[in-house]
Amino acid sequence: MFFVILKSRMKLTKKQRENLGKIVADIGKLFLAIIVLGQWVSPANFSKNKFIFGLIISTICFVYSVFVDRGGE
């Protein structure tokens, strides 16, 4: 539903969609690096909830970036 609302309200050029897709993909990479992979390096105890949360958020960001790059098709 969010994608339909976003598509109807945002009229972006092809270049703007590509840039938005890249930014969202970069945000997903940051979540993956900080929350998910940081769990393995941290001396603190491993948190399953943080790991799952980071994995879900980064997956949503990657899927959304592919959606935006395709032009909302």
N, C-alpha and C. Protein backbone atom coordinates (compact mmCIF):
# COMPACT_ATOMS: atom_id res chain seq x y z
N MET A 1 0.81 -1.18 0.00
CA MET A 1 0.00 0.00 0.00
C MET A 1 0.86 1.25 0.00
N PHE A 2 1.95 1.23 0.75
CA PHE A 2 2.85 2.38 0.80
C PHE A 2 3.40 2.70 -0.58
N PHE A 3 3.69 1.68 -1.36
CA PHE A 3 4.25 1.89 -2.69
C PHE A 3 3.25 2.57 -3.61
N VAL A 4 1.97 2.24 -3.48
CA VAL A 4 0.94 2.85 -4.30
C VAL A 4 0.80 4.33 -3.94
N ILE A 5 0.79 4.63 -2.66
CA ILE A 5 0.70 6.03 -2.22
C ILE A 5 1.91 6.81 -2.69
N LEU A 6 3.08 6.24 -2.55
CA LEU A 6 4.30 6.91 -2.96
C LEU A 6 4.31 7.14 -4.47
N LYS A 7 3.89 6.17 -5.23
CA LYS A 7 3.87 6.29 -6.68
C LYS A 7 2.91 7.37 -7.13
N SER A 8 1.77 7.48 -6.48
CA SER A 8 0.77 8.46 -6.90
C SER A 8 1.16 9.88 -6.52
N ARG A 9 1.95 10.03 -5.47
CA ARG A 9 2.30 11.37 -5.00
C ARG A 9 3.63 11.87 -5.54
N MET A 10 4.53 10.99 -5.90
CA MET A 10 5.85 11.41 -6.33
C MET A 10 6.01 11.19 -7.83
N LYS A 11 6.20 12.27 -8.53
CA LYS A 11 6.50 12.19 -9.96
C LYS A 11 7.98 12.49 -10.13
N LEU A 12 8.77 11.45 -10.27
CA LEU A 12 10.21 11.58 -10.36
C LEU A 12 10.68 11.26 -11.77
N THR A 13 11.76 11.91 -12.16
CA THR A 13 12.38 11.57 -13.43
C THR A 13 13.15 10.26 -13.25
N LYS A 14 13.60 9.70 -14.35
CA LYS A 14 14.34 8.43 -14.29
C LYS A 14 15.61 8.59 -13.46
N LYS A 15 16.32 9.69 -13.64
CA LYS A 15 17.56 9.93 -12.89
C LYS A 15 17.28 10.08 -11.39
N GLN A 16 16.19 10.77 -11.05
CA GLN A 16 15.83 10.93 -9.64
C GLN A 16 15.46 9.59 -9.01
N ARG A 17 14.75 8.73 -9.76
CA ARG A 17 14.41 7.41 -9.24
C ARG A 17 15.67 6.58 -9.01
N GLU A 18 16.61 6.67 -9.94
CA GLU A 18 17.87 5.92 -9.77
C GLU A 18 18.61 6.39 -8.53
N ASN A 19 18.68 7.71 -8.35
CA ASN A 19 19.37 8.24 -7.17
C ASN A 19 18.67 7.87 -5.88
N LEU A 20 17.33 7.92 -5.87
CA LEU A 20 16.58 7.52 -4.69
C LEU A 20 16.81 6.04 -4.38
N GLY A 21 16.84 5.23 -5.42
CA GLY A 21 17.11 3.80 -5.23
C GLY A 21 18.49 3.55 -4.64
N LYS A 22 19.48 4.31 -5.11
CA LYS A 22 20.83 4.16 -4.58
C LYS A 22 20.91 4.58 -3.12
N ILE A 23 20.23 5.67 -2.78
CA ILE A 23 20.26 6.15 -1.39
C ILE A 23 19.61 5.14 -0.45
N VAL A 24 18.47 4.60 -0.86
CA VAL A 24 17.79 3.62 -0.01
C VAL A 24 18.63 2.35 0.11
N ALA A 25 19.29 1.95 -0.97
CA ALA A 25 20.16 0.78 -0.90
C ALA A 25 21.33 1.03 0.05
N ASP A 26 21.87 2.25 0.02
CA ASP A 26 22.96 2.59 0.94
C ASP A 26 22.49 2.57 2.39
N ILE A 27 21.27 3.03 2.64
CA ILE A 27 20.72 2.97 3.99
C ILE A 27 20.59 1.52 4.44
N GLY A 28 20.15 0.66 3.52
CA GLY A 28 20.06 -0.76 3.84
C GLY A 28 21.41 -1.37 4.15
N LYS A 29 22.44 -0.94 3.42
CA LYS A 29 23.79 -1.43 3.69
C LYS A 29 24.27 -0.98 5.07
N LEU A 30 23.93 0.27 5.43
CA LEU A 30 24.33 0.76 6.75
C LEU A 30 23.66 -0.03 7.87
N PHE A 31 22.36 -0.30 7.71
CA PHE A 31 21.67 -1.12 8.71
C PHE A 31 22.30 -2.50 8.79
N LEU A 32 22.62 -3.06 7.65
CA LEU A 32 23.23 -4.39 7.65
C LEU A 32 24.58 -4.36 8.35
N ALA A 33 25.37 -3.36 8.06
CA ALA A 33 26.71 -3.29 8.66
C ALA A 33 26.67 -2.97 10.15
N ILE A 34 25.86 -2.00 10.52
CA ILE A 34 25.87 -1.55 11.91
C ILE A 34 25.14 -2.50 12.84
N ILE A 35 23.92 -2.84 12.49
CA ILE A 35 23.10 -3.62 13.42
C ILE A 35 23.35 -5.12 13.30
N VAL A 36 23.39 -5.62 12.07
CA VAL A 36 23.50 -7.07 11.90
C VAL A 36 24.93 -7.54 12.08
N LEU A 37 25.86 -6.99 11.31
CA LEU A 37 27.24 -7.45 11.39
C LEU A 37 27.95 -6.94 12.64
N GLY A 38 27.49 -5.80 13.17
CA GLY A 38 28.08 -5.27 14.40
C GLY A 38 27.85 -6.17 15.59
N GLN A 39 26.82 -6.98 15.52
CA GLN A 39 26.55 -7.93 16.60
C GLN A 39 27.68 -8.95 16.75
N TRP A 40 28.31 -9.29 15.67
CA TRP A 40 29.37 -10.31 15.72
C TRP A 40 30.68 -9.73 16.25
N VAL A 41 30.88 -8.42 16.08
CA VAL A 41 32.14 -7.80 16.48
C VAL A 41 32.08 -7.26 17.90
N SER A 42 30.90 -6.94 18.34
CA SER A 42 30.70 -6.31 19.65
C SER A 42 31.09 -7.27 20.78
N PRO A 43 31.73 -6.72 21.81
CA PRO A 43 32.06 -7.56 22.96
C PRO A 43 30.82 -7.84 23.84
N ALA A 44 29.75 -7.07 23.62
CA ALA A 44 28.51 -7.29 24.39
C ALA A 44 27.83 -8.57 23.93
N ASN A 45 26.85 -8.99 24.69
CA ASN A 45 26.12 -10.21 24.34
C ASN A 45 25.36 -10.04 23.03
N PHE A 46 25.22 -11.13 22.33
CA PHE A 46 24.49 -11.16 21.06
C PHE A 46 22.99 -10.98 21.34
N SER A 47 22.36 -10.05 20.62
CA SER A 47 20.93 -9.81 20.79
C SER A 47 20.19 -10.31 19.55
N LYS A 48 19.41 -11.34 19.75
CA LYS A 48 18.65 -11.92 18.64
C LYS A 48 17.64 -10.92 18.07
N ASN A 49 17.01 -10.13 18.95
CA ASN A 49 16.03 -9.16 18.50
C ASN A 49 16.64 -8.08 17.61
N LYS A 50 17.80 -7.56 18.01
CA LYS A 50 18.49 -6.55 17.20
C LYS A 50 18.91 -7.14 15.86
N PHE A 51 19.39 -8.35 15.88
CA PHE A 51 19.82 -9.02 14.65
C PHE A 51 18.65 -9.16 13.68
N ILE A 52 17.52 -9.64 14.16
CA ILE A 52 16.34 -9.83 13.30
C ILE A 52 15.81 -8.49 12.82
N PHE A 53 15.75 -7.49 13.70
CA PHE A 53 15.29 -6.16 13.32
C PHE A 53 16.16 -5.57 12.22
N GLY A 54 17.47 -5.63 12.38
CA GLY A 54 18.38 -5.10 11.36
C GLY A 54 18.27 -5.84 10.05
N LEU A 55 18.11 -7.14 10.11
CA LEU A 55 17.96 -7.94 8.91
C LEU A 55 16.67 -7.59 8.17
N ILE A 56 15.60 -7.39 8.90
CA ILE A 56 14.32 -7.03 8.28
C ILE A 56 14.39 -5.65 7.66
N ILE A 57 14.92 -4.68 8.38
CA ILE A 57 15.01 -3.32 7.86
C ILE A 57 15.90 -3.26 6.63
N SER A 58 17.04 -3.93 6.65
CA SER A 58 17.93 -3.90 5.49
C SER A 58 17.29 -4.60 4.29
N THR A 59 16.54 -5.67 4.52
CA THR A 59 15.85 -6.36 3.43
C THR A 59 14.77 -5.46 2.84
N ILE A 60 14.02 -4.78 3.69
CA ILE A 60 12.99 -3.85 3.20
C ILE A 60 13.63 -2.74 2.36
N CYS A 61 14.75 -2.21 2.82
CA CYS A 61 15.44 -1.16 2.06
C CYS A 61 15.92 -1.66 0.70
N PHE A 62 16.47 -2.86 0.65
CA PHE A 62 16.93 -3.40 -0.63
C PHE A 62 15.78 -3.66 -1.58
N VAL A 63 14.69 -4.21 -1.08
CA VAL A 63 13.52 -4.48 -1.93
C VAL A 63 12.93 -3.16 -2.43
N TYR A 64 12.83 -2.17 -1.56
CA TYR A 64 12.30 -0.88 -1.95
C TYR A 64 13.20 -0.20 -3.00
N SER A 65 14.52 -0.31 -2.84
CA SER A 65 15.42 0.31 -3.81
C SER A 65 15.28 -0.33 -5.18
N VAL A 66 15.09 -1.63 -5.24
CA VAL A 66 14.85 -2.30 -6.53
C VAL A 66 13.52 -1.84 -7.12
N PHE A 67 12.51 -1.71 -6.27
CA PHE A 67 11.20 -1.24 -6.72
C PHE A 67 11.29 0.16 -7.31
N VAL A 68 12.01 1.05 -6.64
CA VAL A 68 12.15 2.43 -7.12
C VAL A 68 12.96 2.47 -8.40
N ASP A 69 14.03 1.69 -8.48
CA ASP A 69 14.86 1.68 -9.69
C ASP A 69 14.08 1.20 -10.91
N ARG A 70 13.14 0.31 -10.72
CA ARG A 70 12.33 -0.17 -11.84
C ARG A 70 11.22 0.79 -12.21
N GLY A 71 11.07 1.85 -11.46
CA GLY A 71 10.05 2.84 -11.77
C GLY A 71 8.70 2.52 -11.21
N GLY A 72 8.62 1.69 -10.22
CA GLY A 72 7.37 1.36 -9.59
C GLY A 72 6.53 0.37 -10.36
N GLU A 73 7.15 -0.40 -11.22
CA GLU A 73 6.40 -1.37 -12.02
C GLU A 73 5.96 -2.56 -11.19
